[in-house]
PDB file of N, CA and C in Angstrom:
ATOM      1  N   MET A   1     103.736  96.039 111.839  1.00  0.00           N
ATOM      2  CA  MET A   1     102.195  96.605 111.790  1.00  0.00           C
ATOM      3  C   MET A   1     102.346  97.511 110.246  1.00  0.00           C
ATOM      4  N   GLY A   2     103.568  98.088 109.657  1.00  0.00           N
ATOM      5  CA  GLY A   2     103.304  98.414 108.851  1.00  0.00           C
ATOM      6  C   GLY A   2     103.341  97.597 107.070  1.00  0.00           C
ATOM      7  N   LYS A   3     103.800  96.716 107.356  1.00  0.00           N
ATOM      8  CA  LYS A   3     103.614  95.770 106.315  1.00  0.00           C
ATOM      9  C   LYS A   3     102.439  94.998 106.429  1.00  0.00           C
ATOM     10  N   ILE A   4     102.117  94.855 107.300  1.00  0.00           N
ATOM     11  CA  ILE A   4     100.504  94.641 107.180  1.00  0.00           C
ATOM     12  C   ILE A   4      99.484  95.586 106.215  1.00  0.00           C
ATOM     13  N   PHE A   5      99.991  96.689 106.692  1.00  0.00           N
ATOM     14  CA  PHE A   5      98.743  97.813 105.867  1.00  0.00           C
ATOM     15  C   PHE A   5      99.171  97.857 104.569  1.00  0.00           C
ATOM     16  N   ILE A   6     100.933  97.890 104.340  1.00  0.00           N
ATOM     17  CA  ILE A   6     101.194  97.902 102.874  1.00  0.00           C
ATOM     18  C   ILE A   6     100.582  96.260 102.164  1.00  0.00           C
ATOM     19  N   ILE A   7     100.332  95.439 102.849  1.00  0.00           N
ATOM     20  CA  ILE A   7     100.081  93.722 101.794  1.00  0.00           C
ATOM     21  C   ILE A   7      98.343  94.596 101.944  1.00  0.00           C
ATOM     22  N   ALA A   8      97.896  94.510 102.821  1.00  0.00           N
ATOM     23  CA  ALA A   8      96.294  95.310 102.615  1.00  0.00           C
ATOM     24  C   ALA A   8      95.996  96.067 101.788  1.00  0.00           C
ATOM     25  N   GLY A   9      96.478  96.860 101.343  1.00  0.00           N
ATOM     26  CA  GLY A   9      96.626  98.007 100.864  1.00  0.00           C
ATOM     27  C   GLY A   9      96.876  97.039  99.183  1.00  0.00           C
ATOM     28  N   ILE A  10      97.837  96.353  98.708  1.00  0.00           N
ATOM     29  CA  ILE A  10      97.941  95.940  97.647  1.00  0.00           C
ATOM     30  C   ILE A  10      96.969  94.893  97.097  1.00  0.00           C
ATOM     31  N   VAL A  11      96.656  94.025  98.516  1.00  0.00           N
ATOM     32  CA  VAL A  11      95.052  93.427  98.308  1.00  0.00           C
ATOM     33  C   VAL A  11      94.210  93.838  97.613  1.00  0.00           C
ATOM     34  N   LEU A  12      93.697  95.152  98.234  1.00  0.00           N
ATOM     35  CA  LEU A  12      93.006  95.993  98.188  1.00  0.00           C
ATOM     36  C   LEU A  12      92.641  96.724  96.669  1.00  0.00           C
ATOM     37  N   ILE A  13      93.810  96.917  96.040  1.00  0.00           N
ATOM     38  CA  ILE A  13      94.230  97.350  94.495  1.00  0.00           C
ATOM     39  C   ILE A  13      93.876  96.411  93.923  1.00  0.00           C
ATOM     40  N   VAL A  14      94.573  95.344  94.060  1.00  0.00           N
ATOM     41  CA  VAL A  14      94.235  93.945  92.982  1.00  0.00           C
ATOM     42  C   VAL A  14      92.750  93.982  93.131  1.00  0.00           C
ATOM     43  N   ILE A  15      92.005  93.799  94.099  1.00  0.00           N
ATOM     44  CA  ILE A  15      90.100  93.358  94.344  1.00  0.00           C
ATOM     45  C   ILE A  15      89.729  94.378  93.500  1.00  0.00           C
ATOM     46  N   GLY A  16      90.092  95.841  93.633  1.00  0.00           N
ATOM     47  CA  GLY A  16      89.578  96.728  92.735  1.00  0.00           C
ATOM     48  C   GLY A  16      89.492  96.598  91.688  1.00  0.00           C
ATOM     49  N   LEU A  17      90.926  96.165  90.711  1.00  0.00           N
ATOM     50  CA  LEU A  17      91.109  95.936  89.541  1.00  0.00           C
ATOM     51  C   LEU A  17      90.043  94.750  89.022  1.00  0.00           C
ATOM     52  N   ILE A  18      90.075  93.394  89.912  1.00  0.00           N
ATOM     53  CA  ILE A  18      89.689  92.460  89.668  1.00  0.00           C
ATOM     54  C   ILE A  18      87.929  92.647  89.107  1.00  0.00           C
ATOM     55  N   TRP A  19      87.599  93.668  90.025  1.00  0.00           N
ATOM     56  CA  TRP A  19      85.848  93.684  90.634  1.00  0.00           C
ATOM     57  C   TRP A  19      85.352  94.798  89.201  1.00  0.00           C
ATOM     58  N   SER A  20      86.467  95.515  88.995  1.00  0.00           N
ATOM     59  CA  SER A  20      86.038  96.146  87.722  1.00  0.00           C
ATOM     60  C   SER A  20      85.567  95.528  86.282  1.00  0.00           C
ATOM     61  N   PHE A  21      86.390  94.148  86.456  1.00  0.00           N
ATOM     62  CA  PHE A  21      86.103  93.243  85.333  1.00  0.00           C
ATOM     63  C   PHE A  21      84.768  92.300  85.293  1.00  0.00           C
ATOM     64  N   ILE A  22      84.551  91.915  86.460  1.00  0.00           N
ATOM     65  CA  ILE A  22      83.569  90.675  87.185  1.00  0.00           C
ATOM     66  C   ILE A  22      82.270  91.910  87.851  1.00  0.00           C
ATOM     67  N   GLY A  23      82.526  92.797  87.277  1.00  0.00           N
ATOM     68  CA  GLY A  23      81.315  93.592  87.864  1.00  0.00           C
ATOM     69  C   GLY A  23      79.688  93.311  87.278  1.00  0.00           C
ATOM     70  N   ARG A  24      79.538  92.868  86.303  1.00  0.00           N
ATOM     71  CA  ARG A  24      78.662  92.796  85.919  1.00  0.00           C
ATOM     72  C   ARG A  24      78.449  91.304  84.965  1.00  0.00           C
ATOM     73  N   LEU A  25      78.384  90.471  86.125  1.00  0.00           N
ATOM     74  CA  LEU A  25      77.880  88.743  85.798  1.00  0.00           C
ATOM     75  C   LEU A  25      76.663  88.643  85.420  1.00  0.00           C
ATOM     76  N   PRO A  26      75.908  87.861  84.574  1.00  0.00           N
ATOM     77  CA  PRO A  26      74.894  87.188  84.628  1.00  0.00           C
ATOM     78  C   PRO A  26      74.424  86.841  85.746  1.00  0.00           C
ATOM     79  N   GLY A  27      73.589  87.061  86.565  1.00  0.00           N
ATOM     80  CA  GLY A  27      72.999  86.817  87.645  1.00  0.00           C
ATOM     81  C   GLY A  27      72.695  88.135  88.367  1.00  0.00           C
ATOM     82  N   ASP A  28      73.529  89.110  87.959  1.00  0.00           N
ATOM     83  CA  ASP A  28      73.578  90.448  88.684  1.00  0.00           C
ATOM     84  C   ASP A  28      72.091  91.319  88.230  1.00  0.00           C
ATOM     85  N   PHE A  29      71.355  91.837  88.905  1.00  0.00           N
ATOM     86  CA  PHE A  29      70.433  92.511  88.346  1.00  0.00           C
ATOM     87  C   PHE A  29      70.234  94.097  88.744  1.00  0.00           C
ATOM     88  N   THR A  30      69.916  94.250  87.848  1.00  0.00           N
ATOM     89  CA  THR A  30      69.787  96.099  87.003  1.00  0.00           C
ATOM     90  C   THR A  30      68.530  96.516  87.321  1.00  0.00           C
ATOM     91  N   PHE A  31      67.706  97.317  87.884  1.00  0.00           N
ATOM     92  CA  PHE A  31      66.407  97.835  87.648  1.00  0.00           C
ATOM     93  C   PHE A  31      66.382  99.323  87.267  1.00  0.00           C
ATOM     94  N   GLN A  32      65.921  99.802  86.268  1.00  0.00           N
ATOM     95  CA  GLN A  32      66.022 101.086  85.837  1.00  0.00           C
ATOM     96  C   GLN A  32      64.242 101.481  85.755  1.00  0.00           C
ATOM     97  N   ARG A  33      64.209 102.706  86.282  1.00  0.00           N
ATOM     98  CA  ARG A  33      62.886 103.372  86.332  1.00  0.00           C
ATOM     99  C   ARG A  33      63.082 104.556  86.069  1.00  0.00           C
ATOM    100  N   GLY A  34      62.815 105.304  85.017  1.00  0.00           N
ATOM    101  CA  GLY A  34      62.909 107.018  84.750  1.00  0.00           C
ATOM    102  C   GLY A  34      64.688 107.090  84.884  1.00  0.00           C
ATOM    103  N   ASN A  35      65.065 107.851  85.666  1.00  0.00           N
ATOM    104  CA  ASN A  35      65.901 108.432  85.949  1.00  0.00           C
ATOM    105  C   ASN A  35      66.624 107.999  86.925  1.00  0.00           C
ATOM    106  N   MET A  36      66.480 107.017  87.846  1.00  0.00           N
ATOM    107  CA  MET A  36      67.034 106.474  88.688  1.00  0.00           C
ATOM    108  C   MET A  36      67.193 104.787  88.151  1.00  0.00           C
ATOM    109  N   THR A  37      68.620 104.643  88.377  1.00  0.00           N
ATOM    110  CA  THR A  37      69.223 103.066  88.072  1.00  0.00           C
ATOM    111  C   THR A  37      69.576 101.994  89.625  1.00  0.00           C
ATOM    112  N   PHE A  38      68.978 101.093  89.988  1.00  0.00           N
ATOM    113  CA  PHE A  38      69.481 100.668  90.440  1.00  0.00           C
ATOM    114  C   PHE A  38      70.350  99.009  90.423  1.00  0.00           C
ATOM    115  N   HIS A  39      71.736  99.092  90.731  1.00  0.00           N
ATOM    116  CA  HIS A  39      72.100  97.293  90.366  1.00  0.00           C
ATOM    117  C   HIS A  39      72.653  96.703  91.381  1.00  0.00           C
ATOM    118  N   PHE A  40      71.809  95.269  91.604  1.00  0.00           N
ATOM    119  CA  PHE A  40      72.219  94.869  92.507  1.00  0.00           C
ATOM    120  C   PHE A  40      72.981  93.666  92.398  1.00  0.00           C
ATOM    121  N   PRO A  41      74.469  93.542  92.944  1.00  0.00           N
ATOM    122  CA  PRO A  41      75.199  92.287  92.361  1.00  0.00           C
ATOM    123  C   PRO A  41      75.154  90.837  93.043  1.00  0.00           C
ATOM    124  N   LEU A  42      74.082  90.122  93.066  1.00  0.00           N
ATOM    125  CA  LEU A  42      73.889  89.161  93.603  1.00  0.00           C
ATOM    126  C   LEU A  42      74.913  87.618  93.056  1.00  0.00           C
ATOM    127  N   MET A  43      75.344  87.482  91.748  1.00  0.00           N
ATOM    128  CA  MET A  43      76.172  86.676  91.123  1.00  0.00           C
ATOM    129  C   MET A  43      77.846  87.068  91.778  1.00  0.00           C
ATOM    130  N   THR A  44      77.702  88.118  91.576  1.00  0.00           N
ATOM    131  CA  THR A  44      78.972  88.693  92.204  1.00  0.00           C
ATOM    132  C   THR A  44      79.445  88.591  93.242  1.00  0.00           C
ATOM    133  N   SER A  45      78.369  88.715  94.606  1.00  0.00           N
ATOM    134  CA  SER A  45      78.460  88.965  95.552  1.00  0.00           C
ATOM    135  C   SER A  45      78.930  87.506  95.843  1.00  0.00           C
ATOM    136  N   ILE A  46      78.079  86.770  95.195  1.00  0.00           N
ATOM    137  CA  ILE A  46      78.349  85.071  95.618  1.00  0.00           C
ATOM    138  C   ILE A  46      79.771  84.402  95.145  1.00  0.00           C
ATOM    139  N   LEU A  47      80.155  85.037  94.202  1.00  0.00           N
ATOM    140  CA  LEU A  47      81.545  84.731  93.589  1.00  0.00           C
ATOM    141  C   LEU A  47      82.652  85.121  94.445  1.00  0.00           C
ATOM    142  N   VAL A  48      82.497  86.515  94.974  1.00  0.00           N
ATOM    143  CA  VAL A  48      83.354  87.034  96.057  1.00  0.00           C
ATOM    144  C   VAL A  48      83.040  86.131  97.084  1.00  0.00           C
ATOM    145  N   SER A  49      82.159  86.028  98.056  1.00  0.00           N
ATOM    146  CA  SER A  49      82.126  84.913  99.052  1.00  0.00           C
ATOM    147  C   SER A  49      82.822  83.596  98.771  1.00  0.00           C
ATOM    148  N   VAL A  50      82.657  82.796  97.935  1.00  0.00           N
ATOM    149  CA  VAL A  50      83.229  81.840  97.553  1.00  0.00           C
ATOM    150  C   VAL A  50      84.553  81.859  97.345  1.00  0.00           C
ATOM    151  N   ILE A  51      85.023  82.608  96.740  1.00  0.00           N
ATOM    152  CA  ILE A  51      86.539  82.669  96.458  1.00  0.00           C
ATOM    153  C   ILE A  51      87.031  83.445  97.933  1.00  0.00           C
ATOM    154  N   LEU A  52      86.750  84.558  98.496  1.00  0.00           N
ATOM    155  CA  LEU A  52      86.998  84.561 100.221  1.00  0.00           C
ATOM    156  C   LEU A  52      87.247  83.604 100.998  1.00  0.00           C
ATOM    157  N   THR A  53      85.958  82.493 100.487  1.00  0.00           N
ATOM    158  CA  THR A  53      86.061  80.995 101.700  1.00  0.00           C
ATOM    159  C   THR A  53      87.362  80.648 101.486  1.00  0.00           C
ATOM    160  N   LEU A  54      87.602  80.519 100.045  1.00  0.00           N
ATOM    161  CA  LEU A  54      88.637  79.426  99.847  1.00  0.00           C
ATOM    162  C   LEU A  54      90.186  79.807  99.957  1.00  0.00           C
ATOM    163  N   ILE A  55      90.112  81.248 100.036  1.00  0.00           N
ATOM    164  CA  ILE A  55      91.416  81.968 100.011  1.00  0.00           C
ATOM    165  C   ILE A  55      91.795  81.534 101.699  1.00  0.00           C
ATOM    166  N   LEU A  56      90.456  81.909 102.799  1.00  0.00           N
ATOM    167  CA  LEU A  56      91.038  81.917 103.968  1.00  0.00           C
ATOM    168  C   LEU A  56      90.799  80.473 104.837  1.00  0.00           C
ATOM    169  N   PHE A  57      90.183  79.370 104.043  1.00  0.00           N
ATOM    170  CA  PHE A  57      90.487  78.226 104.170  1.00  0.00           C
ATOM    171  C   PHE A  57      91.605  77.599 103.613  1.00  0.00           C
ATOM    172  N   ILE A  58      92.397  78.139 102.865  1.00  0.00           N
ATOM    173  CA  ILE A  58      93.628  77.741 102.817  1.00  0.00           C
ATOM    174  C   ILE A  58      94.872  78.301 103.592  1.00  0.00           C
ATOM    175  N   ILE A  59      94.638  79.487 104.036  1.00  0.00           N
ATOM    176  CA  ILE A  59      95.558  80.513 104.805  1.00  0.00           C
ATOM    177  C   ILE A  59      95.512  79.601 105.994  1.00  0.00           C
ATOM    178  N   ASN A  60      94.511  78.912 106.403  1.00  0.00           N
ATOM    179  CA  ASN A  60      93.912  78.838 107.561  1.00  0.00           C
ATOM    180  C   ASN A  60      94.257  77.074 107.891  1.00  0.00           C
ATOM    181  N   ARG A  61      94.467  76.552 106.886  1.00  0.00           N
ATOM    182  CA  ARG A  61      94.630  74.771 106.374  1.00  0.00           C
ATOM    183  C   ARG A  61      96.641  75.146 106.902  1.00  0.00           C
ATOM    184  N   PHE A  62      97.225  76.000 106.072  1.00  0.00           N
ATOM    185  CA  PHE A  62      98.790  75.941 106.584  1.00  0.00           C
ATOM    186  C   PHE A  62      99.387  76.642 107.749  1.00  0.00           C
ATOM    187  N   ARG A  63      98.450  77.012 108.617  1.00  0.00           N
ATOM    188  CA  ARG A  63      98.876  77.741 109.721  1.00  0.00           C
ATOM    189  C   ARG A  63      99.131  77.322 110.853  1.00  0.00           C
TER     190      ARG A  63
END
């Protein structure tokens, strides 16, 4: 169980580092009004969804 937590932690750290680079893709919406800013990462969410789908498909295929 401990190995799973270590691997999950490393994966989350890697995802966090990658996320900082792809956080502002074309297709992400940013709305600014006065002193309020709202960022809606639509394209980033789609990209992350596709990548996770491929990873889980590959893992399930070799299981």
